[in-house]
Structure formats: C-alpha cells, structure tokens
PDB file of all heavy atoms in Angstrom:
ATOM      1  N   LEU A   1     103.648 121.617 100.392  1.00  0.00           N
ATOM      2  CA  LEU A   1     104.640 120.732  99.770  1.00  0.00           C
ATOM      3  C   LEU A   1     105.989 120.908 100.356  1.00  0.00           C
ATOM      4  O   LEU A   1     106.745 119.922 100.555  1.00  0.00           O
ATOM      5  CB  LEU A   1     104.641 121.017  98.269  1.00  0.00           C
ATOM      6  CG  LEU A   1     103.405 120.625  97.471  1.00  0.00           C
ATOM      7  CD1 LEU A   1     103.490 121.096  96.063  1.00  0.00           C
ATOM      8  CD2 LEU A   1     103.194 119.155  97.514  1.00  0.00           C
ATOM      9  N   ARG A   2     106.337 122.144 100.713  1.00  0.00           N
ATOM     10  CA  ARG A   2     107.663 122.380 101.264  1.00  0.00           C
ATOM     11  C   ARG A   2     107.819 121.726 102.627  1.00  0.00           C
ATOM     12  O   ARG A   2     108.879 121.214 102.989  1.00  0.00           O
ATOM     13  CB  ARG A   2     107.862 123.906 101.410  1.00  0.00           C
ATOM     14  CG  ARG A   2     109.290 124.299 101.769  1.00  0.00           C
ATOM     15  CD  ARG A   2     109.511 125.798 101.783  1.00  0.00           C
ATOM     16  NE  ARG A   2     109.418 126.350 100.425  1.00  0.00           N
ATOM     17  CZ  ARG A   2     108.439 127.082  99.955  1.00  0.00           C
ATOM     18  NH1 ARG A   2     107.416 127.424 100.798  1.00  0.00           N
ATOM     19  NH2 ARG A   2     108.412 127.546  98.752  1.00  0.00           N
ATOM     20  N   ARG A   3     106.702 121.691 103.389  1.00  0.00           N
ATOM     21  CA  ARG A   3     106.732 120.997 104.677  1.00  0.00           C
ATOM     22  C   ARG A   3     106.912 119.496 104.497  1.00  0.00           C
ATOM     23  O   ARG A   3     107.581 118.832 105.323  1.00  0.00           O
ATOM     24  CB  ARG A   3     105.463 121.310 105.502  1.00  0.00           C
ATOM     25  CG  ARG A   3     105.418 122.733 106.052  1.00  0.00           C
ATOM     26  CD  ARG A   3     104.277 122.860 107.044  1.00  0.00           C
ATOM     27  NE  ARG A   3     102.997 122.712 106.429  1.00  0.00           N
ATOM     28  CZ  ARG A   3     102.274 123.712 105.910  1.00  0.00           C
ATOM     29  NH1 ARG A   3     102.806 124.921 105.991  1.00  0.00           N
ATOM     30  NH2 ARG A   3     101.114 123.516 105.370  1.00  0.00           N
ATOM     31  N   LYS A   4     106.353 118.928 103.425  1.00  0.00           N
ATOM     32  CA  LYS A   4     106.517 117.507 103.189  1.00  0.00           C
ATOM     33  C   LYS A   4     107.918 117.153 102.850  1.00  0.00           C
ATOM     34  O   LYS A   4     108.363 116.012 103.088  1.00  0.00           O
ATOM     35  CB  LYS A   4     105.567 117.074 102.068  1.00  0.00           C
ATOM     36  CG  LYS A   4     104.089 117.126 102.445  1.00  0.00           C
ATOM     37  CD  LYS A   4     103.211 116.596 101.292  1.00  0.00           C
ATOM     38  CE  LYS A   4     101.750 116.616 101.653  1.00  0.00           C
ATOM     39  NZ  LYS A   4     100.883 116.121 100.547  1.00  0.00           N
ATOM     40  N   VAL A   5     108.661 118.040 102.172  1.00  0.00           N
ATOM     41  CA  VAL A   5     110.066 117.763 101.791  1.00  0.00           C
ATOM     42  C   VAL A   5     110.996 118.681 102.520  1.00  0.00           C
ATOM     43  O   VAL A   5     111.923 119.235 101.958  1.00  0.00           O
ATOM     44  CB  VAL A   5     110.209 117.912 100.233  1.00  0.00           C
ATOM     45  CG1 VAL A   5     109.458 116.855  99.526  1.00  0.00           C
ATOM     46  CG2 VAL A   5     109.750 119.301  99.829  1.00  0.00           C
ATOM     47  N   ALA A   6     110.737 118.906 103.816  1.00  0.00           N
ATOM     48  CA  ALA A   6     111.533 119.825 104.614  1.00  0.00           C
ATOM     49  C   ALA A   6     112.992 119.421 104.591  1.00  0.00           C
ATOM     50  O   ALA A   6     113.882 120.294 104.714  1.00  0.00           O
ATOM     51  CB  ALA A   6     111.002 119.898 106.019  1.00  0.00           C
ATOM     52  N   GLY A   7     113.290 118.134 104.438  1.00  0.00           N
ATOM     53  CA  GLY A   7     114.650 117.684 104.482  1.00  0.00           C
ATOM     54  C   GLY A   7     115.450 118.192 103.277  1.00  0.00           C
ATOM     55  O   GLY A   7     116.684 118.244 103.345  1.00  0.00           O
ATOM     56  N   LEU A   8     114.781 118.565 102.223  1.00  0.00           N
ATOM     57  CA  LEU A   8     115.435 119.059 101.014  1.00  0.00           C
ATOM     58  C   LEU A   8     115.688 120.580 101.013  1.00  0.00           C
ATOM     59  O   LEU A   8     116.245 121.121 100.090  1.00  0.00           O
ATOM     60  CB  LEU A   8     114.660 118.679  99.743  1.00  0.00           C
ATOM     61  CG  LEU A   8     114.503 117.181  99.475  1.00  0.00           C
ATOM     62  CD1 LEU A   8     113.620 116.961  98.252  1.00  0.00           C
ATOM     63  CD2 LEU A   8     115.858 116.528  99.256  1.00  0.00           C
ATOM     64  N   ASP A   9     115.201 121.202 102.075  1.00  0.00           N
ATOM     65  CA  ASP A   9     115.345 122.654 102.166  1.00  0.00           C
ATOM     66  C   ASP A   9     116.693 122.993 102.785  1.00  0.00           C
ATOM     67  O   ASP A   9     116.862 123.084 104.008  1.00  0.00           O
ATOM     68  CB  ASP A   9     114.229 123.235 103.026  1.00  0.00           C
ATOM     69  CG  ASP A   9     114.252 124.776 103.079  1.00  0.00           C
ATOM     70  OD1 ASP A   9     114.943 125.355 102.215  1.00  0.00           O
ATOM     71  OD2 ASP A   9     113.612 125.370 103.926  1.00  0.00           O
ATOM     72  N   PHE A  10     117.720 123.191 101.948  1.00  0.00           N
ATOM     73  CA  PHE A  10     119.057 123.512 102.407  1.00  0.00           C
ATOM     74  C   PHE A  10     119.398 124.927 101.943  1.00  0.00           C
ATOM     75  O   PHE A  10     119.353 125.220 100.752  1.00  0.00           O
ATOM     76  CB  PHE A  10     120.042 122.523 101.847  1.00  0.00           C
ATOM     77  CG  PHE A  10     121.486 122.876 102.139  1.00  0.00           C
ATOM     78  CD1 PHE A  10     121.967 122.800 103.443  1.00  0.00           C
ATOM     79  CD2 PHE A  10     122.336 123.275 101.108  1.00  0.00           C
ATOM     80  CE1 PHE A  10     123.292 123.176 103.727  1.00  0.00           C
ATOM     81  CE2 PHE A  10     123.665 123.663 101.398  1.00  0.00           C
ATOM     82  CZ  PHE A  10     124.144 123.559 102.694  1.00  0.00           C
ATOM     83  N   SER A  11     119.766 125.760 102.893  1.00  0.00           N
ATOM     84  CA  SER A  11     120.170 127.131 102.576  1.00  0.00           C
ATOM     85  C   SER A  11     121.337 127.506 103.424  1.00  0.00           C
ATOM     86  O   SER A  11     121.524 127.012 104.522  1.00  0.00           O
ATOM     87  CB  SER A  11     119.004 128.098 102.783  1.00  0.00           C
ATOM     88  OG  SER A  11     118.597 128.105 104.141  1.00  0.00           O
ATOM     89  N   TYR A  12     122.154 128.429 102.900  1.00  0.00           N
ATOM     90  CA  TYR A  12     123.372 128.867 103.604  1.00  0.00           C
ATOM     91  C   TYR A  12     123.698 130.283 103.155  1.00  0.00           C
ATOM     92  O   TYR A  12     123.215 130.759 102.127  1.00  0.00           O
ATOM     93  CB  TYR A  12     124.510 127.937 103.361  1.00  0.00           C
ATOM     94  CG  TYR A  12     124.987 127.904 101.906  1.00  0.00           C
ATOM     95  CD1 TYR A  12     126.016 128.717 101.495  1.00  0.00           C
ATOM     96  CD2 TYR A  12     124.374 127.079 100.974  1.00  0.00           C
ATOM     97  CE1 TYR A  12     126.421 128.707 100.156  1.00  0.00           C
ATOM     98  CE2 TYR A  12     124.764 127.082  99.647  1.00  0.00           C
ATOM     99  CZ  TYR A  12     125.821 127.901  99.241  1.00  0.00           C
ATOM    100  OH  TYR A  12     126.215 127.906  97.959  1.00  0.00           O
ATOM    101  N   SER A  13     124.548 130.954 103.939  1.00  0.00           N
ATOM    102  CA  SER A  13     125.080 132.252 103.582  1.00  0.00           C
ATOM    103  C   SER A  13     126.466 132.111 103.023  1.00  0.00           C
ATOM    104  O   SER A  13     127.193 131.172 103.384  1.00  0.00           O
ATOM    105  CB  SER A  13     125.058 133.206 104.771  1.00  0.00           C
ATOM    106  OG  SER A  13     123.765 133.344 105.294  1.00  0.00           O
ATOM    107  N   ASP A  14     126.850 132.966 102.117  1.00  0.00           N
ATOM    108  CA  ASP A  14     128.206 132.928 101.583  1.00  0.00           C
ATOM    109  C   ASP A  14     129.248 133.050 102.705  1.00  0.00           C
ATOM    110  O   ASP A  14     129.211 134.024 103.445  1.00  0.00           O
ATOM    111  CB  ASP A  14     128.438 134.049 100.572  1.00  0.00           C
ATOM    112  CG  ASP A  14     127.619 133.849  99.303  1.00  0.00           C
ATOM    113  OD1 ASP A  14     127.091 132.738  99.139  1.00  0.00           O
ATOM    114  OD2 ASP A  14     127.505 134.810  98.484  1.00  0.00           O
ATOM    115  N   PRO A  15     130.084 132.074 102.883  1.00  0.00           N
ATOM    116  CA  PRO A  15     131.034 132.087 103.972  1.00  0.00           C
ATOM    117  C   PRO A  15     132.179 133.087 103.774  1.00  0.00           C
ATOM    118  O   PRO A  15     132.857 133.466 104.736  1.00  0.00           O
ATOM    119  CB  PRO A  15     131.617 130.648 104.002  1.00  0.00           C
ATOM    120  CG  PRO A  15     131.405 130.160 102.648  1.00  0.00           C
ATOM    121  CD  PRO A  15     130.141 130.775 102.123  1.00  0.00           C
ATOM    122  N   SER A  16     132.336 133.597 102.565  1.00  0.00           N
ATOM    123  CA  SER A  16     133.359 134.584 102.312  1.00  0.00           C
ATOM    124  C   SER A  16     132.944 135.434 101.116  1.00  0.00           C
ATOM    125  O   SER A  16     132.099 135.048 100.324  1.00  0.00           O
ATOM    126  CB  SER A  16     134.725 133.886 101.978  1.00  0.00           C
ATOM    127  OG  SER A  16     134.575 133.061 100.830  1.00  0.00           O
ATOM    128  N   PRO A  17     133.501 136.658 100.988  1.00  0.00           N
ATOM    129  CA  PRO A  17     133.138 137.538  99.849  1.00  0.00           C
ATOM    130  C   PRO A  17     133.477 136.838  98.546  1.00  0.00           C
ATOM    131  O   PRO A  17     134.491 136.106  98.467  1.00  0.00           O
ATOM    132  CB  PRO A  17     134.001 138.791 100.090  1.00  0.00           C
ATOM    133  CG  PRO A  17     134.308 138.786 101.553  1.00  0.00           C
ATOM    134  CD  PRO A  17     134.434 137.335 101.950  1.00  0.00           C
ATOM    135  N   ASN A  18     132.643 137.085  97.519  1.00  0.00           N
ATOM    136  CA  ASN A  18     132.900 136.517  96.190  1.00  0.00           C
ATOM    137  C   ASN A  18     132.961 135.027  96.214  1.00  0.00           C
ATOM    138  O   ASN A  18     133.699 134.395  95.399  1.00  0.00           O
ATOM    139  CB  ASN A  18     134.157 137.123  95.573  1.00  0.00           C
ATOM    140  CG  ASN A  18     134.165 138.628  95.484  1.00  0.00           C
ATOM    141  OD1 ASN A  18     133.094 139.219  95.155  1.00  0.00           O
ATOM    142  ND2 ASN A  18     135.253 139.279  95.808  1.00  0.00           N
ATOM    143  N   PHE A  19     132.208 134.415  97.103  1.00  0.00           N
ATOM    144  CA  PHE A  19     132.166 132.939  97.199  1.00  0.00           C
ATOM    145  C   PHE A  19     131.517 132.386  95.973  1.00  0.00           C
ATOM    146  O   PHE A  19     130.434 132.823  95.525  1.00  0.00           O
ATOM    147  CB  PHE A  19     131.451 132.502  98.458  1.00  0.00           C
ATOM    148  CG  PHE A  19     131.355 131.009  98.644  1.00  0.00           C
ATOM    149  CD1 PHE A  19     132.471 130.312  99.101  1.00  0.00           C
ATOM    150  CD2 PHE A  19     130.194 130.343  98.323  1.00  0.00           C
ATOM    151  CE1 PHE A  19     132.370 128.932  99.272  1.00  0.00           C
ATOM    152  CE2 PHE A  19     130.106 128.963  98.500  1.00  0.00           C
ATOM    153  CZ  PHE A  19     131.200 128.228  98.956  1.00  0.00           C
ATOM    154  N   ASP A  20     132.114 131.373  95.331  1.00  0.00           N
ATOM    155  CA  ASP A  20     131.556 130.735  94.133  1.00  0.00           C
ATOM    156  C   ASP A  20     130.586 129.641  94.593  1.00  0.00           C
ATOM    157  O   ASP A  20     130.995 128.569  95.051  1.00  0.00           O
ATOM    158  CB  ASP A  20     132.676 130.128  93.327  1.00  0.00           C
ATOM    159  CG  ASP A  20     132.195 129.590  91.985  1.00  0.00           C
ATOM    160  OD1 ASP A  20     130.937 129.671  91.730  1.00  0.00           O
ATOM    161  OD2 ASP A  20     133.009 129.060  91.196  1.00  0.00           O
ATOM    162  N   ARG A  21     129.300 129.891  94.391  1.00  0.00           N
ATOM    163  CA  ARG A  21     128.296 128.933  94.875  1.00  0.00           C
ATOM    164  C   ARG A  21     128.291 127.632  94.077  1.00  0.00           C
ATOM    165  O   ARG A  21     127.678 126.684  94.498  1.00  0.00           O
ATOM    166  CB  ARG A  21     126.911 129.566  94.833  1.00  0.00           C
ATOM    167  CG  ARG A  21     126.677 130.551  96.000  1.00  0.00           C
ATOM    168  CD  ARG A  21     125.305 131.106  96.040  1.00  0.00           C
ATOM    169  NE  ARG A  21     125.055 131.741  97.325  1.00  0.00           N
ATOM    170  CZ  ARG A  21     124.210 131.310  98.226  1.00  0.00           C
ATOM    171  NH1 ARG A  21     123.522 130.211  98.003  1.00  0.00           N
ATOM    172  NH2 ARG A  21     124.045 131.950  99.392  1.00  0.00           N
ATOM    173  N   ARG A  22     128.985 127.588  92.935  1.00  0.00           N
ATOM    174  CA  ARG A  22     129.066 126.346  92.198  1.00  0.00           C
ATOM    175  C   ARG A  22     129.929 125.299  92.957  1.00  0.00           C
ATOM    176  O   ARG A  22     129.872 124.124  92.639  1.00  0.00           O
ATOM    177  CB  ARG A  22     129.687 126.621  90.836  1.00  0.00           C
ATOM    178  CG  ARG A  22     128.762 127.403  89.888  1.00  0.00           C
ATOM    179  CD  ARG A  22     129.471 127.750  88.593  1.00  0.00           C
ATOM    180  NE  ARG A  22     130.604 128.627  88.805  1.00  0.00           N
ATOM    181  CZ  ARG A  22     131.384 129.087  87.807  1.00  0.00           C
ATOM    182  NH1 ARG A  22     131.123 128.721  86.569  1.00  0.00           N
ATOM    183  NH2 ARG A  22     132.396 129.884  88.093  1.00  0.00           N
ATOM    184  N   ARG A  23     130.641 125.747  93.954  1.00  0.00           N
ATOM    185  CA  ARG A  23     131.409 124.807  94.753  1.00  0.00           C
ATOM    186  C   ARG A  23     130.536 123.934  95.642  1.00  0.00           C
ATOM    187  O   ARG A  23     130.942 122.879  96.075  1.00  0.00           O
ATOM    188  CB  ARG A  23     132.417 125.567  95.626  1.00  0.00           C
ATOM    189  CG  ARG A  23     133.465 126.320  94.806  1.00  0.00           C
ATOM    190  CD  ARG A  23     134.231 127.335  95.627  1.00  0.00           C
ATOM    191  NE  ARG A  23     134.919 126.736  96.794  1.00  0.00           N
ATOM    192  CZ  ARG A  23     135.559 127.486  97.721  1.00  0.00           C
ATOM    193  NH1 ARG A  23     135.607 128.779  97.633  1.00  0.00           N
ATOM    194  NH2 ARG A  23     136.117 126.857  98.733  1.00  0.00           N
ATOM    195  N   VAL A  24     129.325 124.427  95.898  1.00  0.00           N
ATOM    196  CA  VAL A  24     128.352 123.643  96.719  1.00  0.00           C
ATOM    197  C   VAL A  24     127.379 122.991  95.756  1.00  0.00           C
ATOM    198  O   VAL A  24     126.590 123.647  95.059  1.00  0.00           O
ATOM    199  CB  VAL A  24     127.581 124.538  97.715  1.00  0.00           C
ATOM    200  CG1 VAL A  24     126.608 123.708  98.514  1.00  0.00           C
ATOM    201  CG2 VAL A  24     128.553 125.267  98.622  1.00  0.00           C
ATOM    202  N   LYS A  25     127.434 121.620  95.621  1.00  0.00           N
ATOM    203  CA  LYS A  25     126.622 120.926  94.621  1.00  0.00           C
ATOM    204  C   LYS A  25     125.186 120.723  95.069  1.00  0.00           C
ATOM    205  O   LYS A  25     124.277 120.664  94.217  1.00  0.00           O
ATOM    206  CB  LYS A  25     127.257 119.560  94.336  1.00  0.00           C
ATOM    207  CG  LYS A  25     128.742 119.656  94.019  1.00  0.00           C
ATOM    208  CD  LYS A  25     129.040 120.551  92.851  1.00  0.00           C
ATOM    209  CE  LYS A  25     130.507 120.660  92.543  1.00  0.00           C
ATOM    210  NZ  LYS A  25     130.822 121.588  91.446  1.00  0.00           N
ATOM    211  N   GLY A  26     124.934 120.646  96.388  1.00  0.00           N
ATOM    212  CA  GLY A  26     123.574 120.465  96.852  1.00  0.00           C
ATOM    213  C   GLY A  26     123.427 119.109  97.535  1.00  0.00           C
ATOM    214  O   GLY A  26     124.370 118.367  97.781  1.00  0.00           O
ATOM    215  N   LEU A  27     122.180 118.807  97.890  1.00  0.00           N
ATOM    216  CA  LEU A  27     121.891 117.519  98.555  1.00  0.00           C
ATOM    217  C   LEU A  27     122.035 116.374  97.588  1.00  0.00           C
ATOM    218  O   LEU A  27     121.763 116.504  96.410  1.00  0.00           O
ATOM    219  CB  LEU A  27     120.478 117.543  99.123  1.00  0.00           C
ATOM    220  CG  LEU A  27     120.150 118.673 100.143  1.00  0.00           C
ATOM    221  CD1 LEU A  27     118.719 118.543 100.635  1.00  0.00           C
ATOM    222  CD2 LEU A  27     121.107 118.664 101.299  1.00  0.00           C
ATOM    223  N   VAL A  28     122.417 115.208  98.154  1.00  0.00           N
ATOM    224  CA  VAL A  28     122.567 114.008  97.338  1.00  0.00           C
ATOM    225  C   VAL A  28     121.271 113.721  96.586  1.00  0.00           C
ATOM    226  O   VAL A  28     121.265 113.386  95.370  1.00  0.00           O
ATOM    227  CB  VAL A  28     122.928 112.809  98.218  1.00  0.00           C
ATOM    228  CG1 VAL A  28     122.875 111.482  97.412  1.00  0.00           C
ATOM    229  CG2 VAL A  28     124.334 112.996  98.850  1.00  0.00           C
ATOM    230  N   ALA A  29     120.116 113.882  97.235  1.00  0.00           N
ATOM    231  CA  ALA A  29     118.833 113.543  96.633  1.00  0.00           C
ATOM    232  C   ALA A  29     118.518 114.435  95.463  1.00  0.00           C
ATOM    233  O   ALA A  29     117.671 114.072  94.593  1.00  0.00           O
ATOM    234  CB  ALA A  29     117.731 113.664  97.682  1.00  0.00           C
ATOM    235  N   GLN A  30     119.151 115.592  95.362  1.00  0.00           N
ATOM    236  CA  GLN A  30     118.890 116.526  94.266  1.00  0.00           C
ATOM    237  C   GLN A  30     119.889 116.348  93.068  1.00  0.00           C
ATOM    238  O   GLN A  30     119.747 117.043  92.103  1.00  0.00           O
ATOM    239  CB  GLN A  30     118.980 117.973  94.796  1.00  0.00           C
ATOM    240  CG  GLN A  30     117.923 118.310  95.820  1.00  0.00           C
ATOM    241  CD  GLN A  30     118.132 119.660  96.417  1.00  0.00           C
ATOM    242  OE1 GLN A  30     119.266 120.069  96.668  1.00  0.00           O
ATOM    243  NE2 GLN A  30     117.056 120.388  96.620  1.00  0.00           N
ATOM    244  N   LEU A  31     120.833 115.432  93.218  1.00  0.00           N
ATOM    245  CA  LEU A  31     121.895 115.366  92.227  1.00  0.00           C
ATOM    246  C   LEU A  31     121.697 114.186  91.256  1.00  0.00           C
ATOM    247  O   LEU A  31     122.583 113.906  90.463  1.00  0.00           O
ATOM    248  CB  LEU A  31     123.262 115.213  92.928  1.00  0.00           C
ATOM    249  CG  LEU A  31     123.639 116.419  93.814  1.00  0.00           C
ATOM    250  CD1 LEU A  31     124.967 116.175  94.510  1.00  0.00           C
ATOM    251  CD2 LEU A  31     123.659 117.701  92.968  1.00  0.00           C
ATOM    252  N   PHE A  32     120.579 113.514  91.288  1.00  0.00           N
ATOM    253  CA  PHE A  32     120.335 112.442  90.333  1.00  0.00           C
ATOM    254  C   PHE A  32     118.834 112.374  90.089  1.00  0.00           C
ATOM    255  O   PHE A  32     118.044 112.867  90.844  1.00  0.00           O
ATOM    256  CB  PHE A  32     120.843 111.084  90.858  1.00  0.00           C
ATOM    257  CG  PHE A  32     120.127 110.580  92.083  1.00  0.00           C
ATOM    258  CD1 PHE A  32     119.006 109.740  91.960  1.00  0.00           C
ATOM    259  CD2 PHE A  32     120.535 110.944  93.328  1.00  0.00           C
ATOM    260  CE1 PHE A  32     118.349 109.302  93.072  1.00  0.00           C
ATOM    261  CE2 PHE A  32     119.879 110.475  94.484  1.00  0.00           C
ATOM    262  CZ  PHE A  32     118.780 109.650  94.311  1.00  0.00           C
ATOM    263  N   ASN A  33     118.488 111.736  88.959  1.00  0.00           N
ATOM    264  CA  ASN A  33     117.073 111.539  88.610  1.00  0.00           C
ATOM    265  C   ASN A  33     116.753 110.045  88.551  1.00  0.00           C
ATOM    266  O   ASN A  33     117.595 109.245  88.074  1.00  0.00           O
ATOM    267  CB  ASN A  33     116.784 112.162  87.232  1.00  0.00           C
ATOM    268  CG  ASN A  33     116.913 113.689  87.274  1.00  0.00           C
ATOM    269  OD1 ASN A  33     116.443 114.314  88.223  1.00  0.00           O
ATOM    270  ND2 ASN A  33     117.541 114.243  86.235  1.00  0.00           N
ATOM    271  N   LEU A  34     115.600 109.723  89.012  1.00  0.00           N
ATOM    272  CA  LEU A  34     115.129 108.329  88.888  1.00  0.00           C
ATOM    273  C   LEU A  34     114.158 108.275  87.743  1.00  0.00           C
ATOM    274  O   LEU A  34     113.124 108.905  87.787  1.00  0.00           O
ATOM    275  CB  LEU A  34     114.463 107.908  90.204  1.00  0.00           C
ATOM    276  CG  LEU A  34     113.998 106.427  90.285  1.00  0.00           C
ATOM    277  CD1 LEU A  34     115.196 105.507  90.277  1.00  0.00           C
ATOM    278  CD2 LEU A  34     113.228 106.229  91.564  1.00  0.00           C
ATOM    279  N   PRO A  35     114.488 107.501  86.676  1.00  0.00           N
ATOM    280  CA  PRO A  35     113.566 107.453  85.488  1.00  0.00           C
ATOM    281  C   PRO A  35     112.180 106.982  85.925  1.00  0.00           C
ATOM    282  O   PRO A  35     112.057 106.146  86.859  1.00  0.00           O
ATOM    283  CB  PRO A  35     114.257 106.462  84.572  1.00  0.00           C
ATOM    284  CG  PRO A  35     115.685 106.433  84.988  1.00  0.00           C
ATOM    285  CD  PRO A  35     115.675 106.693  86.441  1.00  0.00           C
ATOM    286  N   GLU A  36     111.186 107.495  85.247  1.00  0.00           N
ATOM    287  CA  GLU A  36     109.812 107.099  85.612  1.00  0.00           C
ATOM    288  C   GLU A  36     109.623 105.620  85.403  1.00  0.00           C
ATOM    289  O   GLU A  36     108.828 104.972  86.135  1.00  0.00           O
ATOM    290  CB  GLU A  36     108.837 107.908  84.740  1.00  0.00           C
ATOM    291  CG  GLU A  36     107.385 107.703  85.097  1.00  0.00           C
ATOM    292  CD  GLU A  36     106.464 108.586  84.299  1.00  0.00           C
ATOM    293  OE1 GLU A  36     106.961 109.391  83.521  1.00  0.00           O
ATOM    294  OE2 GLU A  36     105.238 108.426  84.464  1.00  0.00           O
ATOM    295  N   SER A  37     110.354 105.049  84.454  1.00  0.00           N
ATOM    296  CA  SER A  37     110.197 103.595  84.206  1.00  0.00           C
ATOM    297  C   SER A  37     110.734 102.764  85.387  1.00  0.00           C
ATOM    298  O   SER A  37     110.388 101.595  85.524  1.00  0.00           O
ATOM    299  CB  SER A  37     110.982 103.205  82.942  1.00  0.00           C
ATOM    300  OG  SER A  37     112.371 103.524  83.034  1.00  0.00           O
ATOM    301  N   SER A  38     111.553 103.417  86.264  1.00  0.00           N
ATOM    302  CA  SER A  38     112.127 102.690  87.424  1.00  0.00           C
ATOM    303  C   SER A  38     111.586 103.234  88.729  1.00  0.00           C
ATOM    304  O   SER A  38     112.180 103.069  89.776  1.00  0.00           O
ATOM    305  CB  SER A  38     113.635 102.804  87.395  1.00  0.00           C
ATOM    306  OG  SER A  38     114.187 102.320  86.226  1.00  0.00           O
ATOM    307  N   SER A  39     110.412 103.834  88.636  1.00  0.00           N
ATOM    308  CA  SER A  39     109.834 104.474  89.847  1.00  0.00           C
ATOM    309  C   SER A  39     109.574 103.461  90.940  1.00  0.00           C
ATOM    310  O   SER A  39     109.607 103.800  92.133  1.00  0.00           O
ATOM    311  CB  SER A  39     108.553 105.258  89.493  1.00  0.00           C
ATOM    312  OG  SER A  39     107.605 104.353  88.947  1.00  0.00           O
ATOM    313  N   GLU A  40     109.351 102.162  90.563  1.00  0.00           N
ATOM    314  CA  GLU A  40     109.056 101.182  91.620  1.00  0.00           C
ATOM    315  C   GLU A  40     110.278 100.939  92.475  1.00  0.00           C
ATOM    316  O   GLU A  40     110.156 100.384  93.601  1.00  0.00           O
ATOM    317  CB  GLU A  40     108.577  99.866  90.982  1.00  0.00           C
ATOM    318  CG  GLU A  40     109.639  99.094  90.226  1.00  0.00           C
ATOM    319  CD  GLU A  40     109.899  99.649  88.801  1.00  0.00           C
ATOM    320  OE1 GLU A  40     109.150 100.562  88.435  1.00  0.00           O
ATOM    321  OE2 GLU A  40     110.776  99.136  88.158  1.00  0.00           O
ATOM    322  N   ALA A  41     111.460 101.324  92.031  1.00  0.00           N
ATOM    323  CA  ALA A  41     112.706 101.142  92.785  1.00  0.00           C
ATOM    324  C   ALA A  41     112.915 102.257  93.779  1.00  0.00           C
ATOM    325  O   ALA A  41     113.885 102.218  94.584  1.00  0.00           O
ATOM    326  CB  ALA A  41     113.900 101.007  91.868  1.00  0.00           C
ATOM    327  N   GLY A  42     112.052 103.307  93.785  1.00  0.00           N
ATOM    328  CA  GLY A  42     112.274 104.447  94.612  1.00  0.00           C
ATOM    329  C   GLY A  42     112.258 104.099  96.102  1.00  0.00           C
ATOM    330  O   GLY A  42     113.107 104.604  96.883  1.00  0.00           O
ATOM    331  N   THR A  43     111.366 103.251  96.507  1.00  0.00           N
ATOM    332  CA  THR A  43     111.268 102.915  97.905  1.00  0.00           C
ATOM    333  C   THR A  43     112.510 102.144  98.348  1.00  0.00           C
ATOM    334  O   THR A  43     113.064 102.410  99.439  1.00  0.00           O
ATOM    335  CB  THR A  43     110.017 102.031  98.155  1.00  0.00           C
ATOM    336  OG1 THR A  43     108.857 102.760  97.743  1.00  0.00           O
ATOM    337  CG2 THR A  43     109.875 101.667  99.651  1.00  0.00           C
ATOM    338  N   ALA A  44     112.947 101.203  97.518  1.00  0.00           N
ATOM    339  CA  ALA A  44     114.213 100.466  97.847  1.00  0.00           C
ATOM    340  C   ALA A  44     115.383 101.426  97.962  1.00  0.00           C
ATOM    341  O   ALA A  44     116.202 101.332  98.888  1.00  0.00           O
ATOM    342  CB  ALA A  44     114.470  99.403  96.787  1.00  0.00           C
ATOM    343  N   LEU A  45     115.481 102.377  97.028  1.00  0.00           N
ATOM    344  CA  LEU A  45     116.559 103.358  97.074  1.00  0.00           C
ATOM    345  C   LEU A  45     116.512 104.204  98.317  1.00  0.00           C
ATOM    346  O   LEU A  45     117.532 104.463  99.002  1.00  0.00           O
ATOM    347  CB  LEU A  45     116.506 104.234  95.798  1.00  0.00           C
ATOM    348  CG  LEU A  45     117.558 105.352  95.695  1.00  0.00           C
ATOM    349  CD1 LEU A  45     118.945 104.743  95.646  1.00  0.00           C
ATOM    350  CD2 LEU A  45     117.296 106.218  94.462  1.00  0.00           C
ATOM    351  N   GLU A  46     115.314 104.615  98.698  1.00  0.00           N
ATOM    352  CA  GLU A  46     115.135 105.449  99.848  1.00  0.00           C
ATOM    353  C   GLU A  46     115.526 104.712 101.108  1.00  0.00           C
ATOM    354  O   GLU A  46     116.165 105.215 102.037  1.00  0.00           O
ATOM    355  CB  GLU A  46     113.686 105.944  99.934  1.00  0.00           C
ATOM    356  CG  GLU A  46     113.469 106.935 101.045  1.00  0.00           C
ATOM    357  CD  GLU A  46     112.021 107.461 101.022  1.00  0.00           C
ATOM    358  OE1 GLU A  46     111.248 107.063 100.164  1.00  0.00           O
ATOM    359  OE2 GLU A  46     111.694 108.278 101.932  1.00  0.00           O
TER     360      GLU A  46
END
C-alpha cells in the first residue's frame, strides 16, 4: 500500500534544535477529507 501512495510519503529531519513540527502542516492531500457521499468527485479533484 505504501508503494501505491509513495507520493504521500513525506519525511524530513528537524532543521534546527527544538524545532516545532507543528509548523509543518503536511501534504495538501492530507489536509482535507472528501466525504464518502462525494466520492464520485474524487477523480475530478485529482
């Protein structure tokens, strides 16, 4: 499954001591949810 979604595998090292990881929000695709009732719109969104 990880190979299928390799594009979502984002990792990094702390660029400075005591770095607040909350400053990095993540990938756009991980920051919203598509309701199951609107799943047919997934292809158009992609």
